[in-house]
All heavy atoms as atom14 arrays in JSON, in Angstrom:
{
  "sequence": "IGRGSAKNTINHEMNNLRPEDTATYYCHAQVRRWGRTNLRDVWGQGTQ",
  "atom14_mask": [
    [1, 1, 1, 1, 1, 1, 1, 1, 0, 0, 0, 0, 0, 0],
    [1, 1, 1, 1, 0, 0, 0, 0, 0, 0, 0, 0, 0, 0],
    [1, 1, 1, 1, 1, 1, 1, 1, 1, 1, 1, 0, 0, 0],
    [1, 1, 1, 1, 0, 0, 0, 0, 0, 0, 0, 0, 0, 0],
    [1, 1, 1, 1, 1, 1, 0, 0, 0, 0, 0, 0, 0, 0],
    [1, 1, 1, 1, 1, 0, 0, 0, 0, 0, 0, 0, 0, 0],
    [1, 1, 1, 1, 1, 1, 1, 1, 1, 0, 0, 0, 0, 0],
    [1, 1, 1, 1, 1, 1, 1, 1, 0, 0, 0, 0, 0, 0],
    [1, 1, 1, 1, 1, 1, 1, 0, 0, 0, 0, 0, 0, 0],
    [1, 1, 1, 1, 1, 1, 1, 1, 0, 0, 0, 0, 0, 0],
    [1, 1, 1, 1, 1, 1, 1, 1, 0, 0, 0, 0, 0, 0],
    [1, 1, 1, 1, 1, 1, 1, 1, 1, 1, 0, 0, 0, 0],
    [1, 1, 1, 1, 1, 1, 1, 1, 1, 0, 0, 0, 0, 0],
    [1, 1, 1, 1, 1, 1, 1, 1, 0, 0, 0, 0, 0, 0],
    [1, 1, 1, 1, 1, 1, 1, 1, 0, 0, 0, 0, 0, 0],
    [1, 1, 1, 1, 1, 1, 1, 1, 0, 0, 0, 0, 0, 0],
    [1, 1, 1, 1, 1, 1, 1, 1, 0, 0, 0, 0, 0, 0],
    [1, 1, 1, 1, 1, 1, 1, 1, 1, 1, 1, 0, 0, 0],
    [1, 1, 1, 1, 1, 1, 1, 0, 0, 0, 0, 0, 0, 0],
    [1, 1, 1, 1, 1, 1, 1, 1, 1, 0, 0, 0, 0, 0],
    [1, 1, 1, 1, 1, 1, 1, 1, 0, 0, 0, 0, 0, 0],
    [1, 1, 1, 1, 1, 1, 1, 0, 0, 0, 0, 0, 0, 0],
    [1, 1, 1, 1, 1, 0, 0, 0, 0, 0, 0, 0, 0, 0],
    [1, 1, 1, 1, 1, 1, 1, 0, 0, 0, 0, 0, 0, 0],
    [1, 1, 1, 1, 1, 1, 1, 1, 1, 1, 1, 1, 0, 0],
    [1, 1, 1, 1, 1, 1, 1, 1, 1, 1, 1, 1, 0, 0],
    [1, 1, 1, 1, 1, 1, 0, 0, 0, 0, 0, 0, 0, 0],
    [1, 1, 1, 1, 1, 1, 1, 1, 1, 1, 0, 0, 0, 0],
    [1, 1, 1, 1, 1, 0, 0, 0, 0, 0, 0, 0, 0, 0],
    [1, 1, 1, 1, 1, 1, 1, 1, 1, 0, 0, 0, 0, 0],
    [1, 1, 1, 1, 1, 1, 1, 0, 0, 0, 0, 0, 0, 0],
    [1, 1, 1, 1, 1, 1, 1, 1, 1, 1, 1, 0, 0, 0],
    [1, 1, 1, 1, 1, 1, 1, 1, 1, 1, 1, 0, 0, 0],
    [1, 1, 1, 1, 1, 1, 1, 1, 1, 1, 1, 1, 1, 1],
    [1, 1, 1, 1, 0, 0, 0, 0, 0, 0, 0, 0, 0, 0],
    [1, 1, 1, 1, 1, 1, 1, 1, 1, 1, 1, 0, 0, 0],
    [1, 1, 1, 1, 1, 1, 1, 0, 0, 0, 0, 0, 0, 0],
    [1, 1, 1, 1, 1, 1, 1, 1, 0, 0, 0, 0, 0, 0],
    [1, 1, 1, 1, 1, 1, 1, 1, 0, 0, 0, 0, 0, 0],
    [1, 1, 1, 1, 1, 1, 1, 1, 1, 1, 1, 0, 0, 0],
    [1, 1, 1, 1, 1, 1, 1, 1, 0, 0, 0, 0, 0, 0],
    [1, 1, 1, 1, 1, 1, 1, 0, 0, 0, 0, 0, 0, 0],
    [1, 1, 1, 1, 1, 1, 1, 1, 1, 1, 1, 1, 1, 1],
    [1, 1, 1, 1, 0, 0, 0, 0, 0, 0, 0, 0, 0, 0],
    [1, 1, 1, 1, 1, 1, 1, 1, 1, 0, 0, 0, 0, 0],
    [1, 1, 1, 1, 0, 0, 0, 0, 0, 0, 0, 0, 0, 0],
    [1, 1, 1, 1, 1, 1, 1, 0, 0, 0, 0, 0, 0, 0],
    [1, 1, 1, 1, 1, 1, 1, 1, 1, 0, 0, 0, 0, 0]
  ],
  "atom14_positions": [
    [[136.12, 85.53, 116.43], [135.39, 86.22, 115.41], [134.03, 85.45, 115.15], [134.07, 84.25, 115.21], [136.16, 86.41, 114.09], [135.52, 87.46, 113.11], [136.37, 85.04, 113.33], [136.42, 87.8, 112.01], [0.0, 0.0, 0.0], [0.0, 0.0, 0.0], [0.0, 0.0, 0.0], [0.0, 0.0, 0.0], [0.0, 0.0, 0.0], [0.0, 0.0, 0.0]],
    [[132.95, 86.13, 114.82], [131.73, 85.48, 114.58], [130.77, 86.5, 113.86], [131.01, 87.71, 113.78], [0.0, 0.0, 0.0], [0.0, 0.0, 0.0], [0.0, 0.0, 0.0], [0.0, 0.0, 0.0], [0.0, 0.0, 0.0], [0.0, 0.0, 0.0], [0.0, 0.0, 0.0], [0.0, 0.0, 0.0], [0.0, 0.0, 0.0], [0.0, 0.0, 0.0]],
    [[129.64, 85.9, 113.32], [128.68, 86.76, 112.65], [127.84, 87.48, 113.63], [127.49, 86.95, 114.65], [127.88, 85.84, 111.74], [128.59, 85.13, 110.67], [127.74, 84.25, 109.82], [128.39, 83.56, 108.81], [128.69, 84.02, 107.6], [128.37, 85.29, 107.23], [129.32, 83.29, 106.72], [0.0, 0.0, 0.0], [0.0, 0.0, 0.0], [0.0, 0.0, 0.0]],
    [[127.52, 88.75, 113.28], [126.55, 89.48, 114.09], [125.18, 89.18, 113.74], [124.86, 88.39, 112.82], [0.0, 0.0, 0.0], [0.0, 0.0, 0.0], [0.0, 0.0, 0.0], [0.0, 0.0, 0.0], [0.0, 0.0, 0.0], [0.0, 0.0, 0.0], [0.0, 0.0, 0.0], [0.0, 0.0, 0.0], [0.0, 0.0, 0.0], [0.0, 0.0, 0.0]],
    [[124.33, 89.76, 114.57], [122.89, 89.54, 114.35], [122.34, 90.19, 113.09], [121.46, 89.65, 112.4], [122.0, 90.06, 115.51], [122.26, 91.44, 115.75], [0.0, 0.0, 0.0], [0.0, 0.0, 0.0], [0.0, 0.0, 0.0], [0.0, 0.0, 0.0], [0.0, 0.0, 0.0], [0.0, 0.0, 0.0], [0.0, 0.0, 0.0], [0.0, 0.0, 0.0]],
    [[122.92, 91.28, 112.64], [122.51, 91.92, 111.38], [123.27, 91.31, 110.21], [124.37, 90.73, 110.36], [122.82, 93.41, 111.47], [0.0, 0.0, 0.0], [0.0, 0.0, 0.0], [0.0, 0.0, 0.0], [0.0, 0.0, 0.0], [0.0, 0.0, 0.0], [0.0, 0.0, 0.0], [0.0, 0.0, 0.0], [0.0, 0.0, 0.0], [0.0, 0.0, 0.0]],
    [[122.62, 91.34, 109.08], [123.2, 90.83, 107.85], [124.47, 91.5, 107.47], [124.58, 92.76, 107.69], [122.2, 90.98, 106.7], [122.64, 90.25, 105.49], [121.61, 90.32, 104.41], [122.06, 89.64, 103.09], [121.01, 89.75, 102.08], [0.0, 0.0, 0.0], [0.0, 0.0, 0.0], [0.0, 0.0, 0.0], [0.0, 0.0, 0.0], [0.0, 0.0, 0.0]],
    [[125.48, 90.68, 107.07], [126.79, 91.26, 106.69], [127.46, 92.02, 107.79], [128.07, 93.12, 107.6], [126.66, 92.1, 105.43], [126.12, 91.28, 104.21], [126.55, 90.18, 104.07], [125.41, 91.95, 103.37], [0.0, 0.0, 0.0], [0.0, 0.0, 0.0], [0.0, 0.0, 0.0], [0.0, 0.0, 0.0], [0.0, 0.0, 0.0], [0.0, 0.0, 0.0]],
    [[127.36, 91.55, 108.99], [127.98, 92.11, 110.26], [128.82, 91.05, 110.87], [128.41, 89.9, 111.0], [126.97, 92.66, 111.18], [126.15, 93.7, 110.49], [127.63, 93.3, 112.36], [0.0, 0.0, 0.0], [0.0, 0.0, 0.0], [0.0, 0.0, 0.0], [0.0, 0.0, 0.0], [0.0, 0.0, 0.0], [0.0, 0.0, 0.0], [0.0, 0.0, 0.0]],
    [[129.97, 91.43, 111.25], [130.89, 90.52, 112.07], [131.29, 91.18, 113.31], [131.47, 92.42, 113.47], [132.06, 90.11, 111.27], [132.96, 91.3, 110.86], [131.75, 89.2, 110.13], [134.25, 90.88, 110.3], [0.0, 0.0, 0.0], [0.0, 0.0, 0.0], [0.0, 0.0, 0.0], [0.0, 0.0, 0.0], [0.0, 0.0, 0.0], [0.0, 0.0, 0.0]],
    [[131.41, 90.36, 114.35], [132.0, 90.83, 115.67], [133.36, 90.17, 115.95], [133.59, 89.04, 115.46], [130.99, 90.44, 116.75], [129.72, 91.14, 116.65], [129.6, 92.33, 116.26], [128.58, 90.41, 116.98], [0.0, 0.0, 0.0], [0.0, 0.0, 0.0], [0.0, 0.0, 0.0], [0.0, 0.0, 0.0], [0.0, 0.0, 0.0], [0.0, 0.0, 0.0]],
    [[134.16, 90.9, 116.63], [135.51, 90.44, 116.93], [135.74, 90.69, 118.42], [135.92, 91.81, 118.75], [136.55, 91.11, 116.13], [137.96, 90.58, 116.27], [138.24, 89.24, 116.12], [139.12, 91.2, 116.62], [139.54, 89.04, 116.35], [140.08, 90.27, 116.68], [0.0, 0.0, 0.0], [0.0, 0.0, 0.0], [0.0, 0.0, 0.0], [0.0, 0.0, 0.0]],
    [[135.66, 89.59, 119.24], [135.83, 89.63, 120.68], [137.35, 89.52, 120.99], [137.98, 88.56, 120.54], [134.97, 88.62, 121.37], [133.52, 88.77, 121.22], [132.72, 87.8, 121.92], [133.31, 86.9, 122.58], [131.5, 87.88, 121.97], [0.0, 0.0, 0.0], [0.0, 0.0, 0.0], [0.0, 0.0, 0.0], [0.0, 0.0, 0.0], [0.0, 0.0, 0.0]],
    [[137.83, 90.38, 121.8], [139.2, 90.42, 122.22], [139.29, 90.33, 123.79], [138.73, 91.28, 124.41], [140.0, 91.61, 121.68], [139.84, 91.72, 120.16], [140.91, 93.02, 119.53], [140.18, 94.52, 120.19], [0.0, 0.0, 0.0], [0.0, 0.0, 0.0], [0.0, 0.0, 0.0], [0.0, 0.0, 0.0], [0.0, 0.0, 0.0], [0.0, 0.0, 0.0]],
    [[139.91, 89.33, 124.28], [139.96, 89.12, 125.67], [141.47, 89.18, 126.12], [142.36, 88.95, 125.41], [139.34, 87.79, 126.03], [137.89, 87.67, 125.55], [137.1, 88.57, 125.88], [137.57, 86.64, 124.92], [0.0, 0.0, 0.0], [0.0, 0.0, 0.0], [0.0, 0.0, 0.0], [0.0, 0.0, 0.0], [0.0, 0.0, 0.0], [0.0, 0.0, 0.0]],
    [[141.55, 89.42, 127.47], [142.86, 89.42, 128.14], [143.84, 90.3, 127.29], [144.95, 89.9, 127.0], [143.45, 88.02, 128.31], [144.66, 87.94, 129.15], [144.82, 88.79, 130.09], [145.49, 86.92, 128.98], [0.0, 0.0, 0.0], [0.0, 0.0, 0.0], [0.0, 0.0, 0.0], [0.0, 0.0, 0.0], [0.0, 0.0, 0.0], [0.0, 0.0, 0.0]],
    [[143.42, 91.52, 127.08], [144.23, 92.41, 126.24], [145.53, 92.9, 126.97], [145.58, 92.93, 128.12], [143.37, 93.7, 125.87], [142.21, 93.38, 124.88], [141.3, 94.52, 124.82], [142.88, 93.21, 123.48], [0.0, 0.0, 0.0], [0.0, 0.0, 0.0], [0.0, 0.0, 0.0], [0.0, 0.0, 0.0], [0.0, 0.0, 0.0], [0.0, 0.0, 0.0]],
    [[146.54, 93.14, 126.11], [147.79, 93.41, 126.59], [148.24, 94.76, 125.95], [147.77, 95.08, 124.91], [148.86, 92.34, 126.2], [148.47, 90.93, 126.59], [149.26, 89.93, 125.82], [148.83, 88.61, 126.21], [149.23, 87.48, 125.56], [150.01, 87.59, 124.49], [148.8, 86.27, 125.94], [0.0, 0.0, 0.0], [0.0, 0.0, 0.0], [0.0, 0.0, 0.0]],
    [[149.21, 95.45, 126.58], [149.66, 96.73, 125.98], [150.15, 96.59, 124.52], [149.96, 97.47, 123.71], [150.75, 97.14, 126.89], [150.39, 96.57, 128.23], [149.78, 95.26, 127.87], [0.0, 0.0, 0.0], [0.0, 0.0, 0.0], [0.0, 0.0, 0.0], [0.0, 0.0, 0.0], [0.0, 0.0, 0.0], [0.0, 0.0, 0.0], [0.0, 0.0, 0.0]],
    [[150.72, 95.44, 124.16], [151.22, 95.22, 122.82], [150.06, 94.99, 121.84], [150.25, 95.04, 120.62], [152.1, 94.02, 122.76], [151.61, 92.74, 123.38], [152.1, 92.67, 124.8], [152.18, 93.64, 125.56], [152.45, 91.41, 125.29], [0.0, 0.0, 0.0], [0.0, 0.0, 0.0], [0.0, 0.0, 0.0], [0.0, 0.0, 0.0], [0.0, 0.0, 0.0]],
    [[148.81, 94.9, 122.31], [147.63, 94.92, 121.42], [147.29, 96.29, 120.96], [146.39, 96.37, 120.06], [146.51, 94.17, 122.12], [146.74, 92.67, 122.39], [147.32, 92.05, 121.5], [146.31, 92.24, 123.4], [0.0, 0.0, 0.0], [0.0, 0.0, 0.0], [0.0, 0.0, 0.0], [0.0, 0.0, 0.0], [0.0, 0.0, 0.0], [0.0, 0.0, 0.0]],
    [[147.84, 97.33, 121.5], [147.53, 98.64, 121.03], [147.89, 98.84, 119.59], [149.03, 98.6, 119.18], [148.41, 99.67, 121.89], [147.96, 99.59, 123.25], [148.16, 101.07, 121.43], [0.0, 0.0, 0.0], [0.0, 0.0, 0.0], [0.0, 0.0, 0.0], [0.0, 0.0, 0.0], [0.0, 0.0, 0.0], [0.0, 0.0, 0.0], [0.0, 0.0, 0.0]],
    [[146.91, 99.24, 118.77], [147.11, 99.36, 117.34], [145.89, 99.96, 116.77], [144.94, 100.26, 117.46], [147.29, 97.97, 116.75], [0.0, 0.0, 0.0], [0.0, 0.0, 0.0], [0.0, 0.0, 0.0], [0.0, 0.0, 0.0], [0.0, 0.0, 0.0], [0.0, 0.0, 0.0], [0.0, 0.0, 0.0], [0.0, 0.0, 0.0], [0.0, 0.0, 0.0]],
    [[145.95, 100.23, 115.45], [144.79, 100.57, 114.71], [144.24, 99.34, 114.08], [144.92, 98.58, 113.42], [145.15, 101.62, 113.62], [145.64, 102.79, 114.21], [143.85, 102.02, 112.8], [0.0, 0.0, 0.0], [0.0, 0.0, 0.0], [0.0, 0.0, 0.0], [0.0, 0.0, 0.0], [0.0, 0.0, 0.0], [0.0, 0.0, 0.0], [0.0, 0.0, 0.0]],
    [[142.94, 99.06, 114.37], [142.28, 97.95, 113.83], [141.38, 98.23, 112.64], [140.61, 99.16, 112.62], [141.49, 97.33, 114.98], [142.29, 96.61, 116.02], [143.11, 97.36, 116.86], [142.27, 95.25, 116.13], [143.87, 96.74, 117.88], [143.11, 94.67, 117.15], [143.94, 95.43, 117.96], [144.62, 94.79, 118.91], [0.0, 0.0, 0.0], [0.0, 0.0, 0.0]],
    [[141.55, 97.4, 111.57], [140.87, 97.61, 110.3], [139.97, 96.42, 109.97], [140.37, 95.27, 110.03], [141.84, 97.78, 109.19], [142.72, 99.04, 109.26], [143.93, 98.96, 109.98], [142.34, 100.22, 108.69], [144.74, 100.08, 110.09], [143.08, 101.33, 108.82], [144.26, 101.31, 109.48], [145.12, 102.37, 109.54], [0.0, 0.0, 0.0], [0.0, 0.0, 0.0]],
    [[138.7, 96.74, 109.63], [137.82, 95.79, 109.02], [138.12, 95.62, 107.53], [138.49, 96.58, 106.9], [136.35, 96.17, 109.23], [135.19, 94.97, 108.64], [0.0, 0.0, 0.0], [0.0, 0.0, 0.0], [0.0, 0.0, 0.0], [0.0, 0.0, 0.0], [0.0, 0.0, 0.0], [0.0, 0.0, 0.0], [0.0, 0.0, 0.0], [0.0, 0.0, 0.0]],
    [[138.0, 94.39, 107.1], [138.33, 94.13, 105.64], [137.28, 93.19, 105.13], [136.78, 92.26, 105.81], [139.74, 93.45, 105.56], [139.97, 92.92, 104.23], [139.85, 91.55, 103.84], [140.43, 93.51, 103.07], [140.17, 91.39, 102.63], [140.54, 92.56, 102.06], [0.0, 0.0, 0.0], [0.0, 0.0, 0.0], [0.0, 0.0, 0.0], [0.0, 0.0, 0.0]],
    [[136.92, 93.4, 103.84], [136.02, 92.49, 103.14], [136.55, 92.3, 101.71], [137.13, 93.16, 101.12], [134.6, 93.0, 103.1], [0.0, 0.0, 0.0], [0.0, 0.0, 0.0], [0.0, 0.0, 0.0], [0.0, 0.0, 0.0], [0.0, 0.0, 0.0], [0.0, 0.0, 0.0], [0.0, 0.0, 0.0], [0.0, 0.0, 0.0], [0.0, 0.0, 0.0]],
    [[136.39, 91.01, 101.24], [136.64, 90.73, 99.83], [135.22, 90.41, 99.21], [134.57, 89.54, 99.65], [137.54, 89.56, 99.76], [138.21, 89.32, 98.45], [139.19, 88.24, 98.48], [138.97, 87.12, 98.92], [140.36, 88.5, 98.01], [0.0, 0.0, 0.0], [0.0, 0.0, 0.0], [0.0, 0.0, 0.0], [0.0, 0.0, 0.0], [0.0, 0.0, 0.0]],
    [[134.96, 91.21, 98.17], [133.54, 91.1, 97.66], [133.64, 90.93, 96.13], [134.63, 91.19, 95.43], [132.76, 92.37, 97.98], [132.7, 92.65, 99.46], [133.29, 93.6, 97.2], [0.0, 0.0, 0.0], [0.0, 0.0, 0.0], [0.0, 0.0, 0.0], [0.0, 0.0, 0.0], [0.0, 0.0, 0.0], [0.0, 0.0, 0.0], [0.0, 0.0, 0.0]],
    [[132.5, 90.32, 95.58], [132.32, 90.29, 94.18], [130.94, 90.76, 93.86], [129.9, 90.32, 94.47], [132.47, 88.78, 93.74], [132.17, 88.56, 92.26], [132.22, 87.02, 91.89], [133.64, 86.56, 91.9], [134.11, 85.72, 92.86], [133.32, 85.3, 93.8], [135.42, 85.34, 92.66], [0.0, 0.0, 0.0], [0.0, 0.0, 0.0], [0.0, 0.0, 0.0]],
    [[130.87, 91.7, 92.95], [129.61, 92.21, 92.55], [128.83, 91.18, 91.64], [129.43, 90.46, 90.88], [129.71, 93.48, 91.7], [128.39, 94.12, 91.4], [128.5, 95.67, 91.19], [127.21, 96.26, 91.03], [126.97, 97.48, 91.36], [127.86, 98.24, 91.88], [125.71, 98.01, 91.28], [0.0, 0.0, 0.0], [0.0, 0.0, 0.0], [0.0, 0.0, 0.0]],
    [[127.5, 91.12, 91.83], [126.7, 90.26, 91.12], [126.9, 90.41, 89.65], [126.84, 91.5, 89.13], [125.2, 90.39, 91.46], [124.81, 90.1, 92.83], [125.52, 89.4, 93.82], [123.6, 90.53, 93.48], [124.85, 89.28, 94.94], [123.68, 89.96, 94.82], [122.5, 91.23, 93.08], [122.65, 90.17, 95.72], [121.45, 91.45, 94.0], [121.58, 90.93, 95.32]],
    [[127.1, 89.26, 88.94], [127.32, 89.27, 87.52], [128.7, 89.58, 87.06], [128.98, 89.64, 85.83], [0.0, 0.0, 0.0], [0.0, 0.0, 0.0], [0.0, 0.0, 0.0], [0.0, 0.0, 0.0], [0.0, 0.0, 0.0], [0.0, 0.0, 0.0], [0.0, 0.0, 0.0], [0.0, 0.0, 0.0], [0.0, 0.0, 0.0], [0.0, 0.0, 0.0]],
    [[129.64, 89.75, 87.99], [131.01, 90.06, 87.66], [131.91, 89.02, 88.37], [131.61, 88.37, 89.39], [131.45, 91.48, 88.12], [130.6, 92.52, 87.39], [131.01, 93.94, 87.83], [130.14, 94.92, 87.21], [130.25, 96.23, 87.45], [131.15, 96.62, 88.33], [129.46, 97.06, 86.88], [0.0, 0.0, 0.0], [0.0, 0.0, 0.0], [0.0, 0.0, 0.0]],
    [[133.11, 88.79, 87.76], [134.02, 87.76, 88.27], [135.14, 88.3, 89.08], [135.73, 87.54, 89.9], [134.59, 86.98, 87.07], [135.37, 87.88, 86.2], [133.49, 86.33, 86.2], [0.0, 0.0, 0.0], [0.0, 0.0, 0.0], [0.0, 0.0, 0.0], [0.0, 0.0, 0.0], [0.0, 0.0, 0.0], [0.0, 0.0, 0.0], [0.0, 0.0, 0.0]],
    [[135.5, 89.56, 88.95], [136.58, 90.09, 89.73], [136.3, 90.32, 91.19], [135.17, 90.7, 91.49], [137.11, 91.36, 89.05], [136.15, 92.49, 89.07], [135.06, 92.29, 88.52], [136.44, 93.59, 89.66], [0.0, 0.0, 0.0], [0.0, 0.0, 0.0], [0.0, 0.0, 0.0], [0.0, 0.0, 0.0], [0.0, 0.0, 0.0], [0.0, 0.0, 0.0]],
    [[137.26, 90.03, 92.02], [137.14, 90.36, 93.44], [137.67, 91.74, 93.79], [138.67, 92.2, 93.14], [137.86, 89.3, 94.29], [137.39, 87.9, 94.24], [138.37, 86.94, 94.9], [135.99, 87.83, 94.98], [0.0, 0.0, 0.0], [0.0, 0.0, 0.0], [0.0, 0.0, 0.0], [0.0, 0.0, 0.0], [0.0, 0.0, 0.0], [0.0, 0.0, 0.0]],
    [[137.09, 92.41, 94.77], [137.55, 93.66, 95.26], [137.82, 93.59, 96.69], [137.06, 93.01, 97.46], [136.48, 94.74, 94.9], [136.27, 95.05, 93.43], [135.34, 96.17, 93.2], [135.14, 96.48, 91.78], [135.89, 97.36, 91.13], [136.88, 97.97, 91.74], [135.72, 97.51, 89.86], [0.0, 0.0, 0.0], [0.0, 0.0, 0.0], [0.0, 0.0, 0.0]],
    [[138.85, 94.27, 97.13], [139.24, 94.47, 98.51], [138.68, 95.82, 99.02], [138.91, 96.84, 98.4], [140.66, 94.38, 98.75], [141.26, 93.04, 98.49], [140.88, 92.1, 99.28], [142.04, 92.85, 97.55], [0.0, 0.0, 0.0], [0.0, 0.0, 0.0], [0.0, 0.0, 0.0], [0.0, 0.0, 0.0], [0.0, 0.0, 0.0], [0.0, 0.0, 0.0]],
    [[137.92, 95.73, 100.14], [137.35, 96.92, 100.78], [137.83, 97.0, 102.16], [137.81, 96.02, 102.94], [135.78, 96.83, 100.74], [135.23, 98.12, 101.35], [135.29, 96.62, 99.33], [0.0, 0.0, 0.0], [0.0, 0.0, 0.0], [0.0, 0.0, 0.0], [0.0, 0.0, 0.0], [0.0, 0.0, 0.0], [0.0, 0.0, 0.0], [0.0, 0.0, 0.0]],
    [[138.31, 98.2, 102.59], [138.86, 98.43, 103.87], [138.02, 99.5, 104.66], [137.61, 100.43, 104.05], [140.29, 98.91, 103.84], [141.25, 97.85, 103.33], [141.62, 97.62, 102.06], [141.91, 96.89, 104.16], [142.55, 96.56, 102.07], [142.7, 96.11, 103.25], [141.9, 96.59, 105.52], [143.52, 95.06, 103.71], [142.67, 95.55, 105.97], [143.45, 94.78, 105.07]],
    [[137.91, 99.3, 105.98], [137.36, 100.38, 106.78], [138.44, 101.42, 107.04], [139.57, 101.2, 106.66], [0.0, 0.0, 0.0], [0.0, 0.0, 0.0], [0.0, 0.0, 0.0], [0.0, 0.0, 0.0], [0.0, 0.0, 0.0], [0.0, 0.0, 0.0], [0.0, 0.0, 0.0], [0.0, 0.0, 0.0], [0.0, 0.0, 0.0], [0.0, 0.0, 0.0]],
    [[137.98, 102.49, 107.72], [138.83, 103.55, 107.94], [139.81, 103.29, 109.16], [140.73, 104.06, 109.26], [138.08, 104.84, 108.18], [137.37, 105.26, 106.92], [136.67, 106.65, 107.14], [136.59, 107.17, 108.22], [136.1, 107.21, 106.06], [0.0, 0.0, 0.0], [0.0, 0.0, 0.0], [0.0, 0.0, 0.0], [0.0, 0.0, 0.0], [0.0, 0.0, 0.0]],
    [[139.48, 102.28, 109.88], [140.25, 101.98, 111.08], [139.73, 102.54, 112.38], [139.19, 103.68, 112.45], [0.0, 0.0, 0.0], [0.0, 0.0, 0.0], [0.0, 0.0, 0.0], [0.0, 0.0, 0.0], [0.0, 0.0, 0.0], [0.0, 0.0, 0.0], [0.0, 0.0, 0.0], [0.0, 0.0, 0.0], [0.0, 0.0, 0.0], [0.0, 0.0, 0.0]],
    [[139.79, 101.81, 113.5], [139.47, 102.21, 114.79], [140.58, 101.95, 115.77], [141.29, 100.99, 115.67], [138.13, 101.47, 115.21], [137.69, 101.94, 116.46], [138.39, 99.95, 115.34], [0.0, 0.0, 0.0], [0.0, 0.0, 0.0], [0.0, 0.0, 0.0], [0.0, 0.0, 0.0], [0.0, 0.0, 0.0], [0.0, 0.0, 0.0], [0.0, 0.0, 0.0]],
    [[140.75, 102.81, 116.69], [141.92, 102.82, 117.6], [141.57, 101.95, 118.83], [140.48, 102.12, 119.39], [142.29, 104.21, 118.04], [142.7, 105.14, 116.94], [144.01, 104.62, 116.25], [143.98, 104.5, 115.02], [144.99, 104.37, 117.03], [0.0, 0.0, 0.0], [0.0, 0.0, 0.0], [0.0, 0.0, 0.0], [0.0, 0.0, 0.0], [0.0, 0.0, 0.0]]
  ]
}
């Protein structure tokens, strides 16, 4: 995993993939809005 060239972008490189890697993959972020203390979990819709 690493940061992408664009702001707030991450890349996830997967090598030597196996059939058991078949799954739905979800991006996740834990964020805090400016001026607030609570954390929020944000999920992507998933990619196959």
